[in-house]
């Protein structure tokens, strides 16, 4: 059963130019050229995949949750969503999606947020902010630094808004084999943290691997 606005892809995994499994709690980064398509596939279901983007034509122009939400007048992301930069430039478009809703408000977990939200002894635990910074440190040209860490999307994550206007973390809306697919409009760098969170139900308290596939422009 697919969610609202869900749409299946027409792309064949056998035609992908890139295919890699990213382990639970691990980071990943990759360059996307204009027209290339990235698929994030949830292998076992209920996994949260924290993702952000940088505009490689202007590395200081990062993905913007605000510009993306304002542009589509909706806080949730799905098929047809244009992911925009801080300068409102279109970076990618979600072209296929089997869940119908992704979060762009909840941000990424960090040592600090784990301490504040859960307990002081959680500070040592693996977190997405550290994953992002580690991936940025691998850039041989050092284009991206800690200060470039922008707001992120939480693909497959369920973050409903309460009647009081707050958000909360609920069980994920994904399932084994579901995916989200996006086509690069610009020249972008993708940074991913396959979330290691064990303190809330976003990963069913059990982080699992995801599969990343890339296709060339048709």
N, C-alpha and C. Protein backbone atom coordinates (compact mmCIF):
# COMPACT_ATOMS: atom_id res chain seq x y z
N UNK A 1 0.85 -1.19 0.00
CA UNK A 1 0.00 0.00 0.00
C UNK A 1 0.88 1.24 0.00
N UNK A 2 0.73 2.11 -0.98
CA UNK A 2 1.55 3.29 -1.10
C UNK A 2 0.82 4.49 -0.51
N UNK A 3 1.63 5.47 -0.08
CA UNK A 3 1.06 6.66 0.53
C UNK A 3 0.56 7.65 -0.51
N UNK A 4 -0.04 8.74 -0.02
CA UNK A 4 -0.54 9.80 -0.86
C UNK A 4 0.60 10.35 -1.72
N UNK A 5 0.33 10.59 -3.00
CA UNK A 5 1.30 11.13 -3.95
C UNK A 5 2.45 10.16 -4.26
N UNK A 6 2.33 8.91 -3.85
CA UNK A 6 3.36 7.94 -4.16
C UNK A 6 3.36 7.65 -5.66
N UNK A 7 4.56 7.37 -6.17
CA UNK A 7 4.70 7.09 -7.60
C UNK A 7 5.86 6.14 -7.80
N UNK A 8 5.64 5.10 -8.60
CA UNK A 8 6.68 4.13 -8.89
C UNK A 8 7.65 4.67 -9.95
N UNK A 9 8.88 4.18 -9.89
CA UNK A 9 9.90 4.57 -10.85
C UNK A 9 9.83 3.69 -12.10
N UNK A 10 10.31 4.25 -13.21
CA UNK A 10 10.41 3.47 -14.44
C UNK A 10 11.85 3.01 -14.68
N UNK A 11 12.76 3.34 -13.77
CA UNK A 11 14.17 3.01 -13.95
C UNK A 11 14.47 1.58 -13.51
N UNK A 12 15.36 0.93 -14.26
CA UNK A 12 15.73 -0.45 -13.99
C UNK A 12 17.07 -0.47 -13.24
N UNK A 13 17.12 -1.13 -12.06
CA UNK A 13 18.39 -1.20 -11.31
C UNK A 13 19.55 -1.75 -12.13
N UNK A 14 19.27 -2.60 -13.12
CA UNK A 14 20.34 -3.17 -13.94
C UNK A 14 21.02 -2.11 -14.80
N UNK A 15 20.34 -0.98 -15.02
CA UNK A 15 20.90 0.08 -15.84
C UNK A 15 21.64 1.13 -15.02
N UNK A 16 21.64 0.98 -13.70
CA UNK A 16 22.29 1.97 -12.84
C UNK A 16 23.80 1.97 -13.07
N UNK A 17 24.39 3.16 -13.00
CA UNK A 17 25.85 3.27 -13.14
C UNK A 17 26.55 3.17 -11.79
N UNK A 18 25.76 3.18 -10.72
CA UNK A 18 26.31 3.11 -9.36
C UNK A 18 25.31 2.36 -8.49
N UNK A 19 25.81 1.45 -7.67
CA UNK A 19 24.94 0.64 -6.81
C UNK A 19 25.75 0.23 -5.58
N UNK A 20 25.38 0.76 -4.42
CA UNK A 20 26.14 0.48 -3.21
C UNK A 20 25.21 0.39 -2.00
N UNK A 21 25.52 -0.52 -1.11
CA UNK A 21 24.79 -0.63 0.16
C UNK A 21 25.56 0.15 1.23
N UNK A 22 24.85 1.01 1.93
CA UNK A 22 25.43 1.81 3.01
C UNK A 22 24.98 1.20 4.33
N UNK A 23 25.94 0.82 5.14
CA UNK A 23 25.63 0.15 6.40
C UNK A 23 24.90 1.03 7.39
N UNK A 24 24.26 0.42 8.35
CA UNK A 24 23.53 1.17 9.37
C UNK A 24 24.48 2.06 10.15
N UNK A 25 24.09 3.31 10.32
CA UNK A 25 24.90 4.26 11.07
C UNK A 25 26.06 4.85 10.30
N UNK A 26 26.19 4.52 9.02
CA UNK A 26 27.34 4.99 8.24
C UNK A 26 27.00 6.23 7.43
N UNK A 27 28.04 6.99 7.07
CA UNK A 27 27.88 8.13 6.19
C UNK A 27 28.15 7.76 4.75
N UNK A 28 27.74 8.64 3.85
CA UNK A 28 27.93 8.42 2.40
C UNK A 28 27.87 9.77 1.72
N UNK A 29 28.65 9.97 0.68
CA UNK A 29 28.58 11.20 -0.10
C UNK A 29 28.90 10.89 -1.56
N UNK A 30 28.32 11.69 -2.45
CA UNK A 30 28.53 11.45 -3.88
C UNK A 30 28.14 12.68 -4.67
N UNK A 31 28.85 12.91 -5.75
CA UNK A 31 28.54 14.00 -6.67
C UNK A 31 27.45 13.55 -7.64
N UNK A 32 26.50 14.45 -7.93
CA UNK A 32 25.48 14.19 -8.94
C UNK A 32 25.57 15.26 -10.02
N UNK A 33 25.65 14.82 -11.27
CA UNK A 33 25.65 15.75 -12.40
C UNK A 33 24.21 16.06 -12.81
N UNK A 34 23.97 17.20 -13.44
CA UNK A 34 22.61 17.53 -13.89
C UNK A 34 22.01 16.41 -14.73
N UNK A 35 20.81 16.03 -14.39
CA UNK A 35 20.11 14.97 -15.12
C UNK A 35 20.26 13.59 -14.52
N UNK A 36 21.26 13.39 -13.67
CA UNK A 36 21.41 12.09 -13.03
C UNK A 36 20.34 11.89 -11.95
N UNK A 37 19.99 10.63 -11.71
CA UNK A 37 18.95 10.29 -10.74
C UNK A 37 19.53 9.44 -9.63
N UNK A 38 19.19 9.80 -8.41
CA UNK A 38 19.60 9.06 -7.22
C UNK A 38 18.38 8.38 -6.60
N UNK A 39 18.51 7.10 -6.30
CA UNK A 39 17.47 6.37 -5.56
C UNK A 39 18.03 5.96 -4.20
N UNK A 40 17.27 6.23 -3.15
CA UNK A 40 17.59 5.73 -1.81
C UNK A 40 16.56 4.65 -1.49
N UNK A 41 17.03 3.43 -1.34
CA UNK A 41 16.13 2.29 -1.13
C UNK A 41 16.26 1.77 0.30
N UNK A 42 15.13 1.68 0.97
CA UNK A 42 15.07 1.19 2.35
C UNK A 42 15.00 -0.34 2.32
N UNK A 43 16.10 -0.99 2.62
CA UNK A 43 16.20 -2.44 2.43
C UNK A 43 15.29 -3.22 3.38
N UNK A 44 15.35 -2.90 4.65
CA UNK A 44 14.60 -3.68 5.65
C UNK A 44 13.37 -2.96 6.19
N UNK A 45 13.24 -1.67 5.88
CA UNK A 45 12.06 -0.93 6.31
C UNK A 45 12.27 -0.15 7.59
N UNK A 46 11.57 1.01 7.67
CA UNK A 46 11.54 1.85 8.87
C UNK A 46 12.90 2.47 9.21
N UNK A 47 13.76 2.64 8.21
CA UNK A 47 15.06 3.27 8.43
C UNK A 47 14.99 4.75 8.07
N UNK A 48 15.55 5.61 8.89
CA UNK A 48 15.62 7.04 8.59
C UNK A 48 16.95 7.34 7.90
N UNK A 49 16.90 8.11 6.82
CA UNK A 49 18.10 8.44 6.05
C UNK A 49 18.24 9.96 6.00
N UNK A 50 19.10 10.50 6.85
CA UNK A 50 19.33 11.94 6.89
C UNK A 50 20.17 12.34 5.67
N UNK A 51 19.69 13.35 4.93
CA UNK A 51 20.32 13.71 3.66
C UNK A 51 20.33 15.22 3.48
N UNK A 52 21.45 15.74 3.00
CA UNK A 52 21.51 17.16 2.66
C UNK A 52 22.30 17.33 1.37
N UNK A 53 22.21 18.52 0.78
CA UNK A 53 22.78 18.77 -0.53
C UNK A 53 23.52 20.09 -0.55
N UNK A 54 24.56 20.17 -1.37
CA UNK A 54 25.30 21.40 -1.62
C UNK A 54 25.31 21.69 -3.12
N UNK A 55 25.20 22.95 -3.47
CA UNK A 55 25.24 23.39 -4.85
C UNK A 55 26.70 23.50 -5.27
N UNK A 56 27.19 22.60 -6.11
CA UNK A 56 28.60 22.60 -6.48
C UNK A 56 28.97 23.75 -7.42
N UNK A 57 27.98 24.39 -8.02
CA UNK A 57 28.27 25.60 -8.80
C UNK A 57 28.49 26.80 -7.90
N UNK A 58 28.04 26.69 -6.66
CA UNK A 58 28.21 27.74 -5.65
C UNK A 58 28.22 27.05 -4.29
N UNK A 59 29.38 26.52 -3.85
CA UNK A 59 29.44 25.67 -2.65
C UNK A 59 28.89 26.31 -1.38
N UNK A 60 28.78 27.63 -1.34
CA UNK A 60 28.21 28.28 -0.15
C UNK A 60 26.68 28.27 -0.17
N UNK A 61 26.09 27.79 -1.26
CA UNK A 61 24.64 27.77 -1.40
C UNK A 61 24.12 26.37 -1.07
N UNK A 62 23.64 26.20 0.15
CA UNK A 62 23.27 24.88 0.66
C UNK A 62 21.78 24.60 0.47
N UNK A 63 21.41 23.33 0.64
CA UNK A 63 19.99 22.97 0.69
C UNK A 63 19.28 23.79 1.76
N UNK A 64 18.08 24.24 1.47
CA UNK A 64 17.30 25.04 2.41
C UNK A 64 15.93 24.41 2.65
N UNK A 65 15.67 24.04 3.89
CA UNK A 65 14.34 23.54 4.25
C UNK A 65 13.31 24.63 4.07
N UNK A 66 13.66 25.86 4.45
CA UNK A 66 12.71 26.97 4.36
C UNK A 66 12.31 27.24 2.93
N UNK A 67 13.30 27.36 2.02
CA UNK A 67 12.98 27.64 0.61
C UNK A 67 12.17 26.52 0.00
N UNK A 68 12.48 25.28 0.37
CA UNK A 68 11.76 24.12 -0.17
C UNK A 68 10.31 24.13 0.29
N UNK A 69 10.08 24.38 1.58
CA UNK A 69 8.72 24.40 2.13
C UNK A 69 7.91 25.55 1.53
N UNK A 70 8.50 26.74 1.48
CA UNK A 70 7.80 27.90 0.94
C UNK A 70 7.46 27.68 -0.53
N UNK A 71 8.40 27.11 -1.27
CA UNK A 71 8.18 26.90 -2.69
C UNK A 71 7.02 25.99 -3.02
N UNK A 72 6.79 24.98 -2.17
CA UNK A 72 5.71 24.03 -2.45
C UNK A 72 4.51 24.19 -1.53
N UNK A 73 4.63 25.09 -0.51
CA UNK A 73 3.55 25.34 0.44
C UNK A 73 3.10 24.06 1.15
N UNK A 74 4.10 23.25 1.52
CA UNK A 74 3.82 21.99 2.23
C UNK A 74 5.07 21.61 3.01
N UNK A 75 4.89 21.17 4.25
CA UNK A 75 6.06 20.83 5.07
C UNK A 75 6.60 19.44 4.77
N UNK A 76 5.82 18.60 4.08
CA UNK A 76 6.28 17.25 3.77
C UNK A 76 6.72 17.15 2.32
N UNK A 77 7.64 16.24 2.06
CA UNK A 77 8.22 16.08 0.73
C UNK A 77 7.72 14.79 0.09
N UNK A 78 7.48 14.84 -1.22
CA UNK A 78 7.06 13.65 -1.95
C UNK A 78 7.23 13.90 -3.44
N UNK A 79 6.66 13.04 -4.27
CA UNK A 79 6.77 13.18 -5.72
C UNK A 79 6.39 14.59 -6.17
N UNK A 80 7.26 15.19 -6.97
CA UNK A 80 7.00 16.53 -7.47
C UNK A 80 7.66 17.63 -6.67
N UNK A 81 8.13 17.32 -5.47
CA UNK A 81 8.81 18.32 -4.65
C UNK A 81 10.11 18.76 -5.32
N UNK A 82 10.33 20.08 -5.37
CA UNK A 82 11.59 20.65 -5.82
C UNK A 82 12.41 20.99 -4.58
N UNK A 83 13.57 20.39 -4.46
CA UNK A 83 14.47 20.67 -3.34
C UNK A 83 15.30 21.89 -3.71
N UNK A 84 15.17 22.96 -2.90
CA UNK A 84 15.76 24.25 -3.26
C UNK A 84 16.90 24.63 -2.32
N UNK A 85 17.76 25.52 -2.83
CA UNK A 85 18.89 26.00 -2.06
C UNK A 85 18.50 27.27 -1.30
N UNK A 86 19.45 27.77 -0.52
CA UNK A 86 19.22 29.00 0.24
C UNK A 86 18.94 30.19 -0.67
N UNK A 87 19.43 30.14 -1.89
CA UNK A 87 19.16 31.19 -2.87
C UNK A 87 17.94 30.86 -3.74
N UNK A 88 17.16 29.87 -3.29
CA UNK A 88 15.93 29.43 -3.96
C UNK A 88 16.20 28.79 -5.33
N UNK A 89 17.42 28.36 -5.56
CA UNK A 89 17.72 27.67 -6.81
C UNK A 89 17.26 26.22 -6.71
N UNK A 90 16.64 25.69 -7.76
CA UNK A 90 16.23 24.27 -7.73
C UNK A 90 17.45 23.37 -7.85
N UNK A 91 17.60 22.47 -6.89
CA UNK A 91 18.74 21.54 -6.88
C UNK A 91 18.35 20.18 -7.42
N UNK A 92 17.23 19.65 -6.93
CA UNK A 92 16.76 18.32 -7.35
C UNK A 92 15.23 18.31 -7.34
N UNK A 93 14.67 17.33 -8.06
CA UNK A 93 13.23 17.09 -8.02
C UNK A 93 12.98 15.64 -7.64
N UNK A 94 12.07 15.42 -6.69
CA UNK A 94 11.67 14.06 -6.34
C UNK A 94 10.77 13.54 -7.45
N UNK A 95 11.21 12.49 -8.12
CA UNK A 95 10.52 11.99 -9.31
C UNK A 95 9.78 10.68 -9.07
N UNK A 96 10.11 9.98 -7.99
CA UNK A 96 9.41 8.74 -7.65
C UNK A 96 9.51 8.56 -6.14
N UNK A 97 8.47 7.97 -5.55
CA UNK A 97 8.43 7.88 -4.10
C UNK A 97 7.36 6.86 -3.71
N UNK A 98 7.74 5.85 -2.93
CA UNK A 98 6.78 4.81 -2.54
C UNK A 98 6.26 4.98 -1.11
N UNK A 99 6.60 6.07 -0.45
CA UNK A 99 6.05 6.30 0.89
C UNK A 99 5.08 7.47 0.90
N UNK A 100 5.32 8.48 0.08
CA UNK A 100 4.39 9.60 -0.03
C UNK A 100 4.60 10.72 0.96
N UNK A 101 5.60 10.59 1.85
CA UNK A 101 5.82 11.68 2.82
C UNK A 101 7.19 11.54 3.47
N UNK A 102 7.96 12.64 3.46
CA UNK A 102 9.27 12.66 4.09
C UNK A 102 9.41 13.96 4.89
N UNK A 103 10.20 13.91 5.94
CA UNK A 103 10.33 15.04 6.87
C UNK A 103 11.47 15.97 6.48
N UNK A 104 11.23 17.27 6.60
CA UNK A 104 12.30 18.25 6.40
C UNK A 104 12.37 19.24 7.55
N UNK A 105 11.83 18.87 8.71
CA UNK A 105 11.80 19.75 9.89
C UNK A 105 12.65 19.25 11.05
N UNK A 106 12.74 17.94 11.21
CA UNK A 106 13.31 17.36 12.43
C UNK A 106 14.80 17.50 12.60
N UNK A 107 15.53 17.85 11.52
CA UNK A 107 16.97 18.01 11.63
C UNK A 107 17.68 16.69 11.87
N UNK A 108 18.96 16.78 12.20
CA UNK A 108 19.75 15.57 12.43
C UNK A 108 20.09 15.43 13.91
N UNK A 109 20.23 14.19 14.35
CA UNK A 109 20.63 13.97 15.73
C UNK A 109 22.10 14.33 15.90
N UNK A 110 22.47 14.72 17.10
CA UNK A 110 23.85 15.09 17.42
C UNK A 110 24.13 14.66 18.85
N UNK A 111 25.39 14.73 19.24
CA UNK A 111 25.73 14.42 20.63
C UNK A 111 24.97 15.34 21.57
N UNK A 112 24.85 16.61 21.17
CA UNK A 112 24.18 17.58 22.03
C UNK A 112 22.68 17.32 22.13
N UNK A 113 22.04 17.07 20.99
CA UNK A 113 20.60 16.83 21.03
C UNK A 113 20.26 15.52 21.73
N UNK A 114 21.10 14.51 21.56
CA UNK A 114 20.86 13.26 22.29
C UNK A 114 20.91 13.48 23.79
N UNK A 115 21.81 14.37 24.22
CA UNK A 115 21.93 14.67 25.65
C UNK A 115 20.70 15.41 26.15
N UNK A 116 20.25 16.42 25.38
CA UNK A 116 19.11 17.24 25.79
C UNK A 116 17.81 16.45 25.74
N UNK A 117 17.61 15.68 24.68
CA UNK A 117 16.34 14.99 24.49
C UNK A 117 16.20 13.74 25.35
N UNK A 118 17.31 13.07 25.61
CA UNK A 118 17.20 11.76 26.22
C UNK A 118 17.89 11.66 27.58
N UNK A 119 19.21 11.73 27.61
CA UNK A 119 19.94 11.63 28.88
C UNK A 119 21.39 12.02 28.66
N UNK A 120 22.04 12.51 29.70
CA UNK A 120 23.43 12.94 29.57
C UNK A 120 24.34 11.80 29.11
N UNK A 121 24.04 10.58 29.55
CA UNK A 121 24.91 9.46 29.19
C UNK A 121 24.77 9.05 27.72
N UNK A 122 23.83 9.67 26.98
CA UNK A 122 23.68 9.36 25.56
C UNK A 122 24.65 10.15 24.68
N UNK A 123 25.42 11.05 25.27
CA UNK A 123 26.28 11.93 24.50
C UNK A 123 27.30 11.17 23.65
N UNK A 124 27.76 10.04 24.12
CA UNK A 124 28.80 9.29 23.42
C UNK A 124 28.29 8.57 22.18
N UNK A 125 26.96 8.43 22.03
CA UNK A 125 26.40 7.57 20.99
C UNK A 125 26.63 8.15 19.60
N UNK A 126 26.73 7.27 18.61
CA UNK A 126 26.88 7.69 17.22
C UNK A 126 25.70 8.58 16.82
N UNK A 127 25.97 9.55 15.94
CA UNK A 127 24.90 10.48 15.56
C UNK A 127 25.13 11.00 14.14
N UNK A 128 24.08 11.57 13.57
CA UNK A 128 24.13 11.98 12.16
C UNK A 128 25.01 13.20 11.93
N UNK A 129 25.04 14.13 12.88
CA UNK A 129 25.88 15.30 12.70
C UNK A 129 27.35 14.90 12.54
N UNK A 130 27.79 13.96 13.36
CA UNK A 130 29.18 13.49 13.23
C UNK A 130 29.41 12.78 11.90
N UNK A 131 28.41 12.00 11.45
CA UNK A 131 28.52 11.34 10.15
C UNK A 131 28.69 12.37 9.03
N UNK A 132 27.87 13.42 9.06
CA UNK A 132 27.96 14.46 8.04
C UNK A 132 29.34 15.11 8.04
N UNK A 133 29.82 15.46 9.21
CA UNK A 133 31.11 16.13 9.29
C UNK A 133 32.25 15.23 8.83
N UNK A 134 32.14 13.93 9.12
CA UNK A 134 33.15 12.99 8.65
C UNK A 134 33.15 12.91 7.13
N UNK A 135 31.98 12.86 6.53
CA UNK A 135 31.90 12.81 5.06
C UNK A 135 32.46 14.09 4.45
N UNK A 136 32.17 15.24 5.05
CA UNK A 136 32.69 16.50 4.54
C UNK A 136 34.22 16.55 4.62
N UNK A 137 34.76 15.91 5.64
CA UNK A 137 36.22 15.94 5.83
C UNK A 137 36.94 15.12 4.76
N UNK A 138 36.22 14.25 4.05
CA UNK A 138 36.84 13.42 3.01
C UNK A 138 37.04 14.18 1.69
N UNK A 139 36.47 15.36 1.57
CA UNK A 139 36.57 16.14 0.35
C UNK A 139 38.01 16.59 0.14
N UNK A 140 38.70 16.13 -0.91
CA UNK A 140 40.12 16.46 -1.11
C UNK A 140 40.36 17.94 -1.34
N UNK A 141 39.35 18.66 -1.83
CA UNK A 141 39.50 20.10 -2.09
C UNK A 141 39.06 20.94 -0.89
N UNK A 142 38.59 20.29 0.15
CA UNK A 142 38.15 20.98 1.37
C UNK A 142 37.15 22.09 1.07
N UNK A 143 36.21 21.80 0.16
CA UNK A 143 35.18 22.79 -0.17
C UNK A 143 34.19 23.01 0.98
N UNK A 144 34.01 21.95 1.80
CA UNK A 144 32.97 22.01 2.81
C UNK A 144 33.56 21.82 4.20
N UNK A 145 33.16 22.69 5.09
CA UNK A 145 33.64 22.67 6.47
C UNK A 145 32.45 22.53 7.41
N UNK A 146 32.74 22.46 8.69
CA UNK A 146 31.68 22.31 9.70
C UNK A 146 30.61 23.38 9.56
N UNK A 147 31.03 24.60 9.22
CA UNK A 147 30.07 25.71 9.11
C UNK A 147 29.10 25.52 7.94
N UNK A 148 29.44 24.61 7.01
CA UNK A 148 28.57 24.38 5.85
C UNK A 148 27.47 23.37 6.13
N UNK A 149 27.45 22.79 7.31
CA UNK A 149 26.42 21.79 7.61
C UNK A 149 25.05 22.47 7.67
N UNK A 150 24.24 22.17 6.69
CA UNK A 150 22.95 22.84 6.52
C UNK A 150 21.82 21.95 7.06
N UNK A 151 20.61 22.50 7.15
CA UNK A 151 19.46 21.65 7.49
C UNK A 151 19.36 20.46 6.54
N UNK A 152 18.77 19.41 7.01
CA UNK A 152 18.72 18.18 6.20
C UNK A 152 17.31 17.65 6.07
N UNK A 153 17.15 16.75 5.12
CA UNK A 153 15.91 15.99 4.95
C UNK A 153 16.06 14.68 5.69
N UNK A 154 14.96 14.21 6.28
CA UNK A 154 14.94 12.89 6.91
C UNK A 154 14.04 11.98 6.06
N UNK A 155 14.64 11.36 5.07
CA UNK A 155 13.84 10.49 4.20
C UNK A 155 13.32 9.29 4.99
N UNK A 156 12.05 8.95 4.75
CA UNK A 156 11.33 7.83 5.37
C UNK A 156 10.94 8.10 6.83
N UNK A 157 11.28 9.26 7.36
CA UNK A 157 11.03 9.53 8.78
C UNK A 157 9.66 10.16 8.96
N UNK A 158 8.96 9.77 10.02
CA UNK A 158 7.60 10.22 10.31
C UNK A 158 7.65 11.22 11.46
N UNK A 159 7.46 12.50 11.12
CA UNK A 159 7.52 13.57 12.13
C UNK A 159 6.22 14.38 12.05
N UNK A 160 5.15 13.90 12.65
CA UNK A 160 3.88 14.62 12.59
C UNK A 160 3.89 15.88 13.45
N UNK A 161 3.07 16.84 13.07
CA UNK A 161 2.90 18.07 13.83
C UNK A 161 1.69 17.90 14.75
N UNK A 162 1.86 18.22 16.03
CA UNK A 162 0.78 18.08 16.99
C UNK A 162 -0.18 19.27 16.91
N UNK A 163 -1.31 19.15 17.57
CA UNK A 163 -2.30 20.23 17.59
C UNK A 163 -1.73 21.49 18.24
N UNK A 164 -0.74 21.33 19.09
CA UNK A 164 -0.12 22.48 19.75
C UNK A 164 0.97 23.13 18.90
N UNK A 165 1.22 22.58 17.71
CA UNK A 165 2.22 23.17 16.82
C UNK A 165 3.62 22.64 17.01
N UNK A 166 3.78 21.59 17.81
CA UNK A 166 5.09 20.97 18.00
C UNK A 166 5.21 19.76 17.08
N UNK A 167 6.45 19.28 16.90
CA UNK A 167 6.61 18.05 16.14
C UNK A 167 7.09 16.94 17.07
N UNK A 168 6.83 15.71 16.67
CA UNK A 168 7.24 14.56 17.46
C UNK A 168 7.72 13.47 16.52
N UNK A 169 8.48 12.53 17.08
CA UNK A 169 9.03 11.42 16.29
C UNK A 169 8.17 10.18 16.51
N UNK A 170 7.58 9.68 15.43
CA UNK A 170 6.75 8.48 15.49
C UNK A 170 7.39 7.36 14.67
N UNK A 171 6.75 6.20 14.72
CA UNK A 171 7.22 5.08 13.90
C UNK A 171 7.31 5.50 12.44
N UNK A 172 8.31 5.00 11.74
CA UNK A 172 8.51 5.35 10.34
C UNK A 172 7.35 4.90 9.46
N UNK A 173 7.30 5.47 8.25
CA UNK A 173 6.21 5.15 7.33
C UNK A 173 6.68 4.27 6.18
N UNK A 174 7.90 3.78 6.27
CA UNK A 174 8.46 2.98 5.19
C UNK A 174 8.25 1.49 5.44
N UNK A 175 8.77 0.69 4.52
CA UNK A 175 8.68 -0.77 4.61
C UNK A 175 9.78 -1.35 3.72
N UNK A 176 10.12 -2.62 3.87
CA UNK A 176 11.19 -3.20 3.05
C UNK A 176 10.96 -2.99 1.55
N UNK A 177 11.98 -2.49 0.87
CA UNK A 177 11.91 -2.30 -0.57
C UNK A 177 11.36 -0.97 -1.04
N UNK A 178 10.88 -0.13 -0.12
CA UNK A 178 10.38 1.18 -0.54
C UNK A 178 11.56 2.11 -0.82
N UNK A 179 11.31 3.10 -1.66
CA UNK A 179 12.39 3.99 -2.06
C UNK A 179 11.87 5.39 -2.36
N UNK A 180 12.82 6.32 -2.41
CA UNK A 180 12.56 7.67 -2.91
C UNK A 180 13.62 7.94 -3.97
N UNK A 181 13.21 8.65 -5.02
CA UNK A 181 14.10 8.86 -6.16
C UNK A 181 14.08 10.34 -6.52
N UNK A 182 15.25 10.91 -6.82
CA UNK A 182 15.31 12.33 -7.15
C UNK A 182 16.29 12.57 -8.30
N UNK A 183 15.91 13.47 -9.18
CA UNK A 183 16.73 13.82 -10.35
C UNK A 183 17.43 15.15 -10.09
N UNK A 184 18.73 15.18 -10.32
CA UNK A 184 19.49 16.41 -10.12
C UNK A 184 19.14 17.42 -11.21
N UNK A 185 18.77 18.62 -10.78
CA UNK A 185 18.53 19.72 -11.72
C UNK A 185 19.83 20.50 -11.92
N UNK A 186 20.56 20.69 -10.83
CA UNK A 186 21.85 21.34 -10.88
C UNK A 186 22.97 20.35 -10.63
N UNK A 187 24.17 20.90 -10.46
CA UNK A 187 25.36 20.10 -10.14
C UNK A 187 25.48 20.08 -8.62
N UNK A 188 25.22 18.94 -7.99
CA UNK A 188 25.10 18.91 -6.53
C UNK A 188 25.99 17.83 -5.91
N UNK A 189 26.32 18.06 -4.65
CA UNK A 189 26.96 17.05 -3.82
C UNK A 189 25.93 16.58 -2.80
N UNK A 190 25.82 15.28 -2.66
CA UNK A 190 24.88 14.67 -1.72
C UNK A 190 25.65 14.17 -0.50
N UNK A 191 25.18 14.49 0.68
CA UNK A 191 25.73 13.95 1.92
C UNK A 191 24.63 13.20 2.66
N UNK A 192 24.94 11.98 3.09
CA UNK A 192 23.96 11.12 3.76
C UNK A 192 24.52 10.60 5.07
N UNK A 193 23.67 10.57 6.08
CA UNK A 193 23.94 9.79 7.28
C UNK A 193 22.82 8.77 7.41
N UNK A 194 23.17 7.49 7.28
CA UNK A 194 22.17 6.45 7.46
C UNK A 194 21.97 6.30 8.96
N UNK A 195 20.98 6.98 9.46
CA UNK A 195 20.84 7.34 10.87
C UNK A 195 21.07 6.19 11.86
N UNK A 196 21.96 6.42 12.85
CA UNK A 196 22.24 5.40 13.87
C UNK A 196 21.37 5.51 15.11
N UNK A 197 20.34 6.37 15.05
CA UNK A 197 19.56 6.69 16.25
C UNK A 197 18.91 5.46 16.90
N UNK A 198 19.13 5.31 18.20
CA UNK A 198 18.58 4.18 18.97
C UNK A 198 17.60 4.64 20.05
N UNK A 199 17.38 5.97 20.15
CA UNK A 199 16.61 6.49 21.28
C UNK A 199 15.18 6.88 20.95
N UNK A 200 14.82 6.88 19.66
CA UNK A 200 13.41 7.14 19.32
C UNK A 200 13.01 6.17 18.20
N UNK A 201 11.71 6.07 17.89
CA UNK A 201 11.25 5.01 16.99
C UNK A 201 11.49 5.26 15.51
N UNK A 202 12.25 6.31 15.14
CA UNK A 202 12.40 6.61 13.72
C UNK A 202 13.03 5.45 12.95
N UNK A 203 13.87 4.65 13.60
CA UNK A 203 14.49 3.47 12.98
C UNK A 203 13.98 2.17 13.59
N UNK A 204 12.83 2.24 14.25
CA UNK A 204 12.30 1.07 14.97
C UNK A 204 13.31 0.57 16.01
N UNK A 205 14.14 1.50 16.53
CA UNK A 205 15.18 1.18 17.52
C UNK A 205 16.17 0.14 16.99
N UNK A 206 16.28 0.06 15.66
CA UNK A 206 17.14 -0.96 15.04
C UNK A 206 17.64 -0.46 13.69
N UNK A 207 18.68 0.38 13.65
CA UNK A 207 19.19 0.89 12.38
C UNK A 207 19.60 -0.23 11.43
N UNK A 208 19.27 -0.05 10.15
CA UNK A 208 19.52 -1.08 9.14
C UNK A 208 20.13 -0.44 7.88
N UNK A 209 20.72 -1.25 6.99
CA UNK A 209 21.36 -0.71 5.78
C UNK A 209 20.34 -0.14 4.79
N UNK A 210 20.86 0.72 3.90
CA UNK A 210 20.08 1.22 2.77
C UNK A 210 20.91 1.04 1.50
N UNK A 211 20.25 1.12 0.37
CA UNK A 211 20.92 0.93 -0.93
C UNK A 211 20.83 2.21 -1.74
N UNK A 212 21.96 2.63 -2.30
CA UNK A 212 22.03 3.85 -3.09
C UNK A 212 22.30 3.48 -4.55
N UNK A 213 21.45 3.95 -5.45
CA UNK A 213 21.62 3.70 -6.87
C UNK A 213 21.62 5.03 -7.63
N UNK A 214 22.43 5.12 -8.69
CA UNK A 214 22.49 6.32 -9.51
C UNK A 214 22.39 5.93 -10.98
N UNK A 215 21.56 6.69 -11.72
CA UNK A 215 21.42 6.50 -13.16
C UNK A 215 21.90 7.75 -13.87
N UNK A 216 22.50 7.58 -15.04
CA UNK A 216 22.85 8.72 -15.87
C UNK A 216 21.59 9.36 -16.44
N UNK A 217 21.74 10.59 -16.91
CA UNK A 217 20.63 11.27 -17.55
C UNK A 217 20.16 10.48 -18.76
N UNK A 218 18.87 10.43 -18.96
CA UNK A 218 18.32 9.68 -20.09
C UNK A 218 18.56 10.43 -21.39
